Amino acid sequence: MTEKPLFKKIMQIGLVVKDVDASVKKQWDEFGIGPWAIYTFDPSKVKNLTVRGKPVEHAMRVAIAMIGDLMWELIQPLDDKSIYAEFLKEHGEGIHHILFDVNDFQGAETHLRNGGHEFYQGGEMGDVRYAYFDTRESLHTVAEIASLGDEGLPPPEATYP
């Protein structure tokens, strides 16, 4: 049994966008959101990429900025294989998921799976692991959990401004 509450805090709000570079510039110019750390994640950087429990290599361009203690993440799918591409096709740009901090990644993953929440997508970058679950029926959004490890994300390939 996983301890309650399952989620300790909200760490990130993730949005799917058509163009990360244009969105970063617009959000910086209009709202002062930034600075941005920009990455391209693909099979050369992310291992064990899965979609709905099956190995599916996919790629995305990601930009992350902090608003206070909260990560504001923009995700541009670079192919049509990910849940981000599905979301963009079905809903257009917008809020895709919320990343929740958990005490025990494996315990939370087991709890979500056993609770009937479909495992959507996941992967590993070094000692960072992440997993998305369909919690739309109960939380009205997709939930992401992550284990950030000691290393965290690699240095960004670009920053803005």
N, C-alpha and C. Protein backbone atom coordinates (compact mmCIF):
# COMPACT_ATOMS: atom_id res chain seq x y z
N MET A 1 0.84 -1.19 0.00
CA MET A 1 0.00 0.00 0.00
C MET A 1 0.88 1.24 0.00
N THR A 2 0.66 2.10 -0.94
CA THR A 2 1.39 3.35 -1.02
C THR A 2 0.85 4.31 0.02
N GLU A 3 1.76 5.05 0.65
CA GLU A 3 1.31 6.01 1.66
C GLU A 3 0.47 7.11 1.02
N LYS A 4 -0.40 7.70 1.82
CA LYS A 4 -1.24 8.79 1.34
C LYS A 4 -0.80 10.06 2.02
N PRO A 5 -0.82 11.18 1.34
CA PRO A 5 -1.23 11.30 -0.05
C PRO A 5 -0.16 10.75 -1.00
N LEU A 6 -0.61 10.27 -2.14
CA LEU A 6 0.31 9.74 -3.15
C LEU A 6 1.20 10.85 -3.71
N PHE A 7 0.62 12.02 -3.95
CA PHE A 7 1.34 13.14 -4.54
C PHE A 7 1.77 14.13 -3.46
N LYS A 8 3.07 14.50 -3.45
CA LYS A 8 3.58 15.45 -2.45
C LYS A 8 3.37 16.89 -2.88
N LYS A 9 3.59 17.17 -4.15
CA LYS A 9 3.40 18.53 -4.65
C LYS A 9 3.38 18.49 -6.17
N ILE A 10 2.92 19.59 -6.76
CA ILE A 10 2.96 19.74 -8.21
C ILE A 10 4.32 20.33 -8.56
N MET A 11 5.03 19.65 -9.46
CA MET A 11 6.36 20.09 -9.86
C MET A 11 6.36 20.80 -11.21
N GLN A 12 5.38 20.43 -12.08
CA GLN A 12 5.45 20.93 -13.45
C GLN A 12 4.08 20.91 -14.09
N ILE A 13 3.87 21.90 -14.96
CA ILE A 13 2.73 21.88 -15.86
C ILE A 13 3.32 21.77 -17.26
N GLY A 14 2.85 20.78 -18.01
CA GLY A 14 3.38 20.52 -19.35
C GLY A 14 2.36 20.86 -20.41
N LEU A 15 2.79 21.64 -21.39
CA LEU A 15 1.94 22.04 -22.50
C LEU A 15 2.51 21.49 -23.80
N VAL A 16 1.64 21.08 -24.69
CA VAL A 16 2.07 20.66 -26.02
C VAL A 16 1.90 21.84 -26.96
N VAL A 17 2.92 22.09 -27.77
CA VAL A 17 2.90 23.21 -28.72
C VAL A 17 3.36 22.72 -30.09
N LYS A 18 3.03 23.51 -31.11
CA LYS A 18 3.45 23.17 -32.47
C LYS A 18 4.90 23.53 -32.73
N ASP A 19 5.38 24.60 -32.09
CA ASP A 19 6.72 25.12 -32.37
C ASP A 19 7.32 25.66 -31.07
N VAL A 20 8.25 24.91 -30.49
CA VAL A 20 8.88 25.32 -29.23
C VAL A 20 9.56 26.67 -29.36
N ASP A 21 10.33 26.87 -30.42
CA ASP A 21 11.09 28.12 -30.54
C ASP A 21 10.17 29.34 -30.60
N ALA A 22 9.11 29.26 -31.40
CA ALA A 22 8.16 30.37 -31.50
C ALA A 22 7.44 30.58 -30.17
N SER A 23 7.07 29.50 -29.49
CA SER A 23 6.36 29.61 -28.21
C SER A 23 7.23 30.21 -27.13
N VAL A 24 8.49 29.79 -27.07
CA VAL A 24 9.43 30.34 -26.09
C VAL A 24 9.57 31.84 -26.29
N LYS A 25 9.78 32.26 -27.51
CA LYS A 25 9.94 33.69 -27.81
C LYS A 25 8.69 34.45 -27.42
N LYS A 26 7.52 33.94 -27.79
CA LYS A 26 6.26 34.63 -27.50
C LYS A 26 6.03 34.73 -26.00
N GLN A 27 6.27 33.65 -25.28
CA GLN A 27 6.04 33.67 -23.84
C GLN A 27 7.05 34.57 -23.11
N TRP A 28 8.26 34.64 -23.62
CA TRP A 28 9.25 35.56 -23.05
C TRP A 28 8.84 37.01 -23.33
N ASP A 29 8.53 37.30 -24.60
CA ASP A 29 8.18 38.67 -24.99
C ASP A 29 6.90 39.16 -24.32
N GLU A 30 5.90 38.29 -24.22
CA GLU A 30 4.60 38.72 -23.72
C GLU A 30 4.47 38.67 -22.20
N PHE A 31 5.11 37.66 -21.57
CA PHE A 31 4.90 37.44 -20.14
C PHE A 31 6.18 37.43 -19.31
N GLY A 32 7.34 37.49 -19.98
CA GLY A 32 8.60 37.44 -19.25
C GLY A 32 8.90 36.06 -18.69
N ILE A 33 8.26 35.02 -19.24
CA ILE A 33 8.54 33.65 -18.77
C ILE A 33 9.88 33.21 -19.34
N GLY A 34 10.77 32.82 -18.48
CA GLY A 34 12.11 32.39 -18.86
C GLY A 34 13.07 32.72 -17.74
N PRO A 35 14.34 32.49 -17.93
CA PRO A 35 14.98 31.94 -19.13
C PRO A 35 14.60 30.48 -19.35
N TRP A 36 14.77 30.07 -20.59
CA TRP A 36 14.39 28.74 -21.03
C TRP A 36 15.61 27.85 -21.24
N ALA A 37 15.50 26.61 -20.84
CA ALA A 37 16.47 25.56 -21.17
C ALA A 37 15.80 24.69 -22.23
N ILE A 38 16.48 24.52 -23.35
CA ILE A 38 15.88 23.84 -24.51
C ILE A 38 16.65 22.56 -24.82
N TYR A 39 15.89 21.49 -25.04
CA TYR A 39 16.45 20.16 -25.28
C TYR A 39 15.77 19.51 -26.48
N THR A 40 16.48 18.59 -27.11
CA THR A 40 15.87 17.64 -28.03
C THR A 40 16.06 16.27 -27.41
N PHE A 41 14.95 15.59 -27.16
CA PHE A 41 15.00 14.25 -26.60
C PHE A 41 14.57 13.27 -27.68
N ASP A 42 15.42 12.28 -27.90
CA ASP A 42 15.17 11.25 -28.91
C ASP A 42 15.82 9.96 -28.43
N PRO A 43 15.74 8.88 -29.19
CA PRO A 43 16.29 7.60 -28.73
C PRO A 43 17.79 7.63 -28.43
N SER A 44 18.53 8.59 -28.98
CA SER A 44 19.95 8.65 -28.66
C SER A 44 20.19 9.17 -27.24
N LYS A 45 19.19 9.85 -26.66
CA LYS A 45 19.34 10.43 -25.32
C LYS A 45 18.42 9.80 -24.29
N VAL A 46 17.28 9.27 -24.73
CA VAL A 46 16.29 8.70 -23.82
C VAL A 46 16.19 7.20 -24.11
N LYS A 47 16.36 6.41 -23.08
CA LYS A 47 16.32 4.95 -23.21
C LYS A 47 14.95 4.43 -22.77
N ASN A 48 14.65 3.22 -23.19
CA ASN A 48 13.42 2.54 -22.80
C ASN A 48 12.18 3.39 -23.08
N LEU A 49 12.16 4.03 -24.24
CA LEU A 49 10.98 4.81 -24.65
C LEU A 49 9.82 3.86 -24.89
N THR A 50 8.71 4.14 -24.24
CA THR A 50 7.53 3.31 -24.39
C THR A 50 6.29 4.18 -24.59
N VAL A 51 5.34 3.65 -25.31
CA VAL A 51 4.01 4.25 -25.46
C VAL A 51 3.02 3.11 -25.25
N ARG A 52 2.14 3.28 -24.27
CA ARG A 52 1.14 2.28 -23.91
C ARG A 52 1.77 0.90 -23.67
N GLY A 53 2.93 0.92 -22.99
CA GLY A 53 3.58 -0.32 -22.58
C GLY A 53 4.41 -1.02 -23.63
N LYS A 54 4.48 -0.45 -24.84
CA LYS A 54 5.26 -1.07 -25.90
C LYS A 54 6.43 -0.17 -26.28
N PRO A 55 7.56 -0.74 -26.67
CA PRO A 55 8.68 0.08 -27.11
C PRO A 55 8.32 0.87 -28.37
N VAL A 56 8.42 2.19 -28.30
CA VAL A 56 8.14 3.05 -29.44
C VAL A 56 9.15 4.19 -29.41
N GLU A 57 10.06 4.19 -30.36
CA GLU A 57 11.02 5.29 -30.43
C GLU A 57 10.31 6.53 -30.95
N HIS A 58 10.49 7.64 -30.24
CA HIS A 58 9.89 8.90 -30.64
C HIS A 58 10.80 10.04 -30.20
N ALA A 59 10.50 11.23 -30.69
CA ALA A 59 11.36 12.38 -30.40
C ALA A 59 10.50 13.61 -30.11
N MET A 60 11.09 14.50 -29.33
CA MET A 60 10.41 15.74 -28.97
C MET A 60 11.43 16.84 -28.69
N ARG A 61 11.00 18.05 -28.90
CA ARG A 61 11.79 19.22 -28.53
C ARG A 61 11.09 19.80 -27.31
N VAL A 62 11.86 20.07 -26.26
CA VAL A 62 11.31 20.48 -24.97
C VAL A 62 12.00 21.75 -24.51
N ALA A 63 11.19 22.67 -23.96
CA ALA A 63 11.73 23.88 -23.33
C ALA A 63 11.17 23.96 -21.92
N ILE A 64 12.04 24.27 -20.96
CA ILE A 64 11.63 24.35 -19.55
C ILE A 64 12.06 25.69 -18.98
N ALA A 65 11.11 26.34 -18.31
CA ALA A 65 11.39 27.57 -17.56
C ALA A 65 10.79 27.40 -16.18
N MET A 66 11.33 28.12 -15.22
CA MET A 66 10.79 28.08 -13.86
C MET A 66 9.90 29.30 -13.64
N ILE A 67 8.74 29.06 -13.07
CA ILE A 67 7.88 30.13 -12.59
C ILE A 67 7.78 29.87 -11.09
N GLY A 68 8.56 30.61 -10.31
CA GLY A 68 8.68 30.30 -8.89
C GLY A 68 9.31 28.93 -8.74
N ASP A 69 8.65 28.04 -8.01
CA ASP A 69 9.15 26.68 -7.80
C ASP A 69 8.56 25.69 -8.80
N LEU A 70 7.79 26.18 -9.76
CA LEU A 70 7.07 25.33 -10.70
C LEU A 70 7.75 25.34 -12.07
N MET A 71 7.96 24.13 -12.64
CA MET A 71 8.48 24.03 -14.00
C MET A 71 7.34 24.25 -14.98
N TRP A 72 7.58 25.11 -15.96
CA TRP A 72 6.64 25.36 -17.05
C TRP A 72 7.29 24.73 -18.26
N GLU A 73 6.70 23.67 -18.80
CA GLU A 73 7.33 22.88 -19.86
C GLU A 73 6.53 22.99 -21.15
N LEU A 74 7.23 23.23 -22.24
CA LEU A 74 6.64 23.23 -23.57
C LEU A 74 7.21 22.04 -24.33
N ILE A 75 6.34 21.27 -24.99
CA ILE A 75 6.77 20.07 -25.69
C ILE A 75 6.27 20.12 -27.12
N GLN A 76 7.20 20.01 -28.05
CA GLN A 76 6.87 19.94 -29.48
C GLN A 76 7.19 18.53 -29.96
N PRO A 77 6.17 17.75 -30.34
CA PRO A 77 6.47 16.43 -30.88
C PRO A 77 7.20 16.57 -32.22
N LEU A 78 8.20 15.72 -32.43
CA LEU A 78 8.96 15.75 -33.68
C LEU A 78 8.58 14.62 -34.62
N ASP A 79 7.60 13.83 -34.23
CA ASP A 79 7.07 12.77 -35.07
C ASP A 79 5.63 12.51 -34.63
N ASP A 80 5.01 11.48 -35.17
CA ASP A 80 3.61 11.22 -34.84
C ASP A 80 3.43 10.01 -33.93
N LYS A 81 4.47 9.63 -33.19
CA LYS A 81 4.46 8.38 -32.43
C LYS A 81 4.18 8.54 -30.94
N SER A 82 4.18 9.74 -30.41
CA SER A 82 4.07 9.95 -28.97
C SER A 82 2.67 10.39 -28.56
N ILE A 83 2.42 10.37 -27.25
CA ILE A 83 1.16 10.88 -26.73
C ILE A 83 1.06 12.39 -26.92
N TYR A 84 2.21 13.06 -27.08
CA TYR A 84 2.19 14.50 -27.35
C TYR A 84 1.62 14.76 -28.75
N ALA A 85 2.06 13.96 -29.72
CA ALA A 85 1.54 14.10 -31.09
C ALA A 85 0.05 13.79 -31.14
N GLU A 86 -0.37 12.77 -30.41
CA GLU A 86 -1.80 12.45 -30.35
C GLU A 86 -2.60 13.63 -29.80
N PHE A 87 -2.08 14.21 -28.72
CA PHE A 87 -2.77 15.33 -28.08
C PHE A 87 -2.88 16.51 -29.04
N LEU A 88 -1.78 16.85 -29.69
CA LEU A 88 -1.76 17.97 -30.63
C LEU A 88 -2.76 17.75 -31.76
N LYS A 89 -2.81 16.54 -32.28
CA LYS A 89 -3.74 16.22 -33.37
C LYS A 89 -5.20 16.30 -32.90
N GLU A 90 -5.48 15.81 -31.69
CA GLU A 90 -6.86 15.75 -31.19
C GLU A 90 -7.35 17.06 -30.57
N HIS A 91 -6.45 17.80 -29.91
CA HIS A 91 -6.87 18.96 -29.12
C HIS A 91 -6.21 20.27 -29.52
N GLY A 92 -5.16 20.22 -30.31
CA GLY A 92 -4.39 21.42 -30.59
C GLY A 92 -3.46 21.72 -29.42
N GLU A 93 -2.90 22.90 -29.43
CA GLU A 93 -1.97 23.27 -28.38
C GLU A 93 -2.70 23.44 -27.04
N GLY A 94 -2.00 23.14 -25.95
CA GLY A 94 -2.61 23.34 -24.65
C GLY A 94 -1.99 22.52 -23.56
N ILE A 95 -2.58 22.62 -22.37
CA ILE A 95 -2.08 21.89 -21.20
C ILE A 95 -2.29 20.40 -21.43
N HIS A 96 -1.20 19.66 -21.30
CA HIS A 96 -1.21 18.23 -21.55
C HIS A 96 -1.18 17.41 -20.26
N HIS A 97 -0.32 17.82 -19.31
CA HIS A 97 -0.15 17.00 -18.10
C HIS A 97 0.31 17.84 -16.92
N ILE A 98 0.24 17.22 -15.76
CA ILE A 98 0.81 17.78 -14.54
C ILE A 98 1.78 16.74 -14.00
N LEU A 99 2.99 17.20 -13.67
CA LEU A 99 4.00 16.33 -13.07
C LEU A 99 3.88 16.45 -11.56
N PHE A 100 3.64 15.31 -10.91
CA PHE A 100 3.52 15.26 -9.46
C PHE A 100 4.77 14.67 -8.85
N ASP A 101 5.23 15.26 -7.77
CA ASP A 101 6.33 14.72 -6.98
C ASP A 101 5.76 13.60 -6.10
N VAL A 102 6.47 12.49 -6.03
CA VAL A 102 6.06 11.36 -5.20
C VAL A 102 7.24 10.94 -4.34
N ASN A 103 6.95 10.34 -3.20
CA ASN A 103 8.02 9.86 -2.32
C ASN A 103 8.71 8.65 -2.89
N ASP A 104 7.95 7.78 -3.55
CA ASP A 104 8.46 6.49 -4.02
C ASP A 104 7.97 6.27 -5.45
N PHE A 105 8.85 6.48 -6.42
CA PHE A 105 8.47 6.36 -7.83
C PHE A 105 7.87 4.99 -8.13
N GLN A 106 8.58 3.93 -7.75
CA GLN A 106 8.11 2.58 -8.05
C GLN A 106 6.78 2.30 -7.36
N GLY A 107 6.65 2.71 -6.12
CA GLY A 107 5.40 2.51 -5.39
C GLY A 107 4.25 3.27 -6.02
N ALA A 108 4.50 4.51 -6.44
CA ALA A 108 3.46 5.32 -7.09
C ALA A 108 3.07 4.71 -8.44
N GLU A 109 4.08 4.24 -9.19
CA GLU A 109 3.80 3.61 -10.48
C GLU A 109 2.92 2.37 -10.30
N THR A 110 3.26 1.55 -9.33
CA THR A 110 2.48 0.35 -9.03
C THR A 110 1.06 0.73 -8.60
N HIS A 111 0.94 1.72 -7.73
CA HIS A 111 -0.36 2.18 -7.25
C HIS A 111 -1.24 2.66 -8.42
N LEU A 112 -0.67 3.44 -9.32
CA LEU A 112 -1.44 3.95 -10.46
C LEU A 112 -1.86 2.82 -11.40
N ARG A 113 -0.94 1.92 -11.68
CA ARG A 113 -1.27 0.77 -12.55
C ARG A 113 -2.36 -0.09 -11.91
N ASN A 114 -2.18 -0.40 -10.62
CA ASN A 114 -3.15 -1.25 -9.92
C ASN A 114 -4.50 -0.55 -9.77
N GLY A 115 -4.50 0.78 -9.82
CA GLY A 115 -5.74 1.54 -9.74
C GLY A 115 -6.47 1.63 -11.07
N GLY A 116 -5.94 0.96 -12.08
CA GLY A 116 -6.60 0.93 -13.38
C GLY A 116 -6.27 2.11 -14.29
N HIS A 117 -5.24 2.87 -13.94
CA HIS A 117 -4.85 4.01 -14.77
C HIS A 117 -3.86 3.53 -15.83
N GLU A 118 -4.25 3.70 -17.08
CA GLU A 118 -3.43 3.23 -18.20
C GLU A 118 -2.07 3.91 -18.19
N PHE A 119 -1.02 3.09 -18.33
CA PHE A 119 0.33 3.61 -18.50
C PHE A 119 0.44 4.12 -19.93
N TYR A 120 0.65 5.43 -20.07
CA TYR A 120 0.67 6.06 -21.39
C TYR A 120 2.04 6.03 -22.05
N GLN A 121 3.03 6.51 -21.31
CA GLN A 121 4.34 6.73 -21.95
C GLN A 121 5.39 6.84 -20.86
N GLY A 122 6.63 6.47 -21.19
CA GLY A 122 7.71 6.60 -20.22
C GLY A 122 9.07 6.51 -20.89
N GLY A 123 10.10 6.73 -20.07
CA GLY A 123 11.46 6.64 -20.56
C GLY A 123 12.45 6.93 -19.45
N GLU A 124 13.75 6.83 -19.80
CA GLU A 124 14.83 7.05 -18.84
C GLU A 124 15.95 7.85 -19.51
N MET A 125 16.46 8.85 -18.78
CA MET A 125 17.62 9.62 -19.22
C MET A 125 18.61 9.60 -18.08
N GLY A 126 19.67 8.81 -18.21
CA GLY A 126 20.60 8.66 -17.09
C GLY A 126 19.84 8.09 -15.90
N ASP A 127 19.87 8.80 -14.77
CA ASP A 127 19.14 8.31 -13.60
C ASP A 127 17.77 8.97 -13.44
N VAL A 128 17.31 9.68 -14.47
CA VAL A 128 15.97 10.27 -14.48
C VAL A 128 15.00 9.28 -15.14
N ARG A 129 13.90 8.97 -14.43
CA ARG A 129 12.85 8.12 -14.99
C ARG A 129 11.54 8.89 -14.95
N TYR A 130 10.70 8.68 -15.96
CA TYR A 130 9.40 9.34 -15.96
C TYR A 130 8.35 8.40 -16.52
N ALA A 131 7.10 8.63 -16.09
CA ALA A 131 5.98 7.81 -16.54
C ALA A 131 4.72 8.65 -16.53
N TYR A 132 3.93 8.50 -17.58
CA TYR A 132 2.65 9.19 -17.71
C TYR A 132 1.52 8.18 -17.55
N PHE A 133 0.44 8.60 -16.88
CA PHE A 133 -0.72 7.74 -16.68
C PHE A 133 -1.99 8.49 -17.04
N ASP A 134 -2.96 7.74 -17.57
CA ASP A 134 -4.26 8.32 -17.90
C ASP A 134 -5.07 8.44 -16.62
N THR A 135 -5.08 9.61 -16.03
CA THR A 135 -5.87 9.90 -14.83
C THR A 135 -6.96 10.91 -15.16
N ARG A 136 -7.32 11.01 -16.45
CA ARG A 136 -8.29 12.02 -16.87
C ARG A 136 -9.66 11.81 -16.24
N GLU A 137 -10.04 10.57 -15.99
CA GLU A 137 -11.37 10.33 -15.42
C GLU A 137 -11.46 10.83 -13.98
N SER A 138 -10.37 10.74 -13.23
CA SER A 138 -10.41 11.15 -11.83
C SER A 138 -9.75 12.50 -11.57
N LEU A 139 -8.65 12.80 -12.24
CA LEU A 139 -7.95 14.09 -12.04
C LEU A 139 -8.26 15.09 -13.16
N HIS A 140 -8.90 14.64 -14.21
CA HIS A 140 -9.25 15.48 -15.37
C HIS A 140 -8.02 15.99 -16.11
N THR A 141 -6.92 15.27 -15.97
CA THR A 141 -5.70 15.55 -16.71
C THR A 141 -4.84 14.30 -16.70
N VAL A 142 -3.82 14.27 -17.51
CA VAL A 142 -2.82 13.21 -17.50
C VAL A 142 -1.86 13.51 -16.35
N ALA A 143 -1.51 12.48 -15.59
CA ALA A 143 -0.54 12.62 -14.50
C ALA A 143 0.80 12.06 -14.93
N GLU A 144 1.85 12.80 -14.63
CA GLU A 144 3.21 12.32 -14.83
C GLU A 144 3.85 12.19 -13.46
N ILE A 145 4.64 11.14 -13.28
CA ILE A 145 5.48 11.01 -12.10
C ILE A 145 6.91 10.86 -12.60
N ALA A 146 7.86 11.26 -11.78
CA ALA A 146 9.26 11.18 -12.19
C ALA A 146 10.15 10.90 -11.00
N SER A 147 11.26 10.28 -11.28
CA SER A 147 12.34 10.11 -10.33
C SER A 147 13.52 10.85 -10.93
N LEU A 148 13.87 11.99 -10.34
CA LEU A 148 14.88 12.87 -10.94
C LEU A 148 16.30 12.44 -10.64
N GLY A 149 16.50 11.49 -9.73
CA GLY A 149 17.84 11.00 -9.44
C GLY A 149 18.76 12.09 -8.94
N ASP A 150 20.03 11.78 -8.85
CA ASP A 150 21.03 12.73 -8.36
C ASP A 150 21.57 13.61 -9.48
N GLU A 151 21.60 13.07 -10.70
CA GLU A 151 22.19 13.80 -11.82
C GLU A 151 21.23 14.83 -12.42
N GLY A 152 19.93 14.55 -12.42
CA GLY A 152 18.97 15.44 -13.05
C GLY A 152 19.12 15.44 -14.56
N LEU A 153 18.56 16.46 -15.18
CA LEU A 153 18.64 16.57 -16.65
C LEU A 153 20.05 16.97 -17.09
N PRO A 154 20.43 16.61 -18.30
CA PRO A 154 21.73 17.03 -18.81
C PRO A 154 21.70 18.55 -19.10
N PRO A 155 22.86 19.13 -19.37
CA PRO A 155 22.85 20.55 -19.74
C PRO A 155 22.03 20.76 -21.01
N PRO A 156 21.32 21.90 -21.10
CA PRO A 156 20.50 22.14 -22.30
C PRO A 156 21.37 22.35 -23.53
N GLU A 157 20.79 22.08 -24.70
CA GLU A 157 21.50 22.32 -25.96
C GLU A 157 21.42 23.79 -26.35
N ALA A 158 20.40 24.48 -25.81
CA ALA A 158 20.23 25.91 -26.09
C ALA A 158 19.48 26.56 -24.93
N THR A 159 19.57 27.87 -24.85
CA THR A 159 18.81 28.64 -23.87
C THR A 159 18.20 29.85 -24.58
N TYR A 160 17.16 30.40 -23.95
CA TYR A 160 16.54 31.62 -24.47
C TYR A 160 16.07 32.44 -23.30
N PRO A 161 16.19 33.71 -23.21
CA PRO A 161 16.95 34.54 -24.14
C PRO A 161 18.43 34.33 -23.94
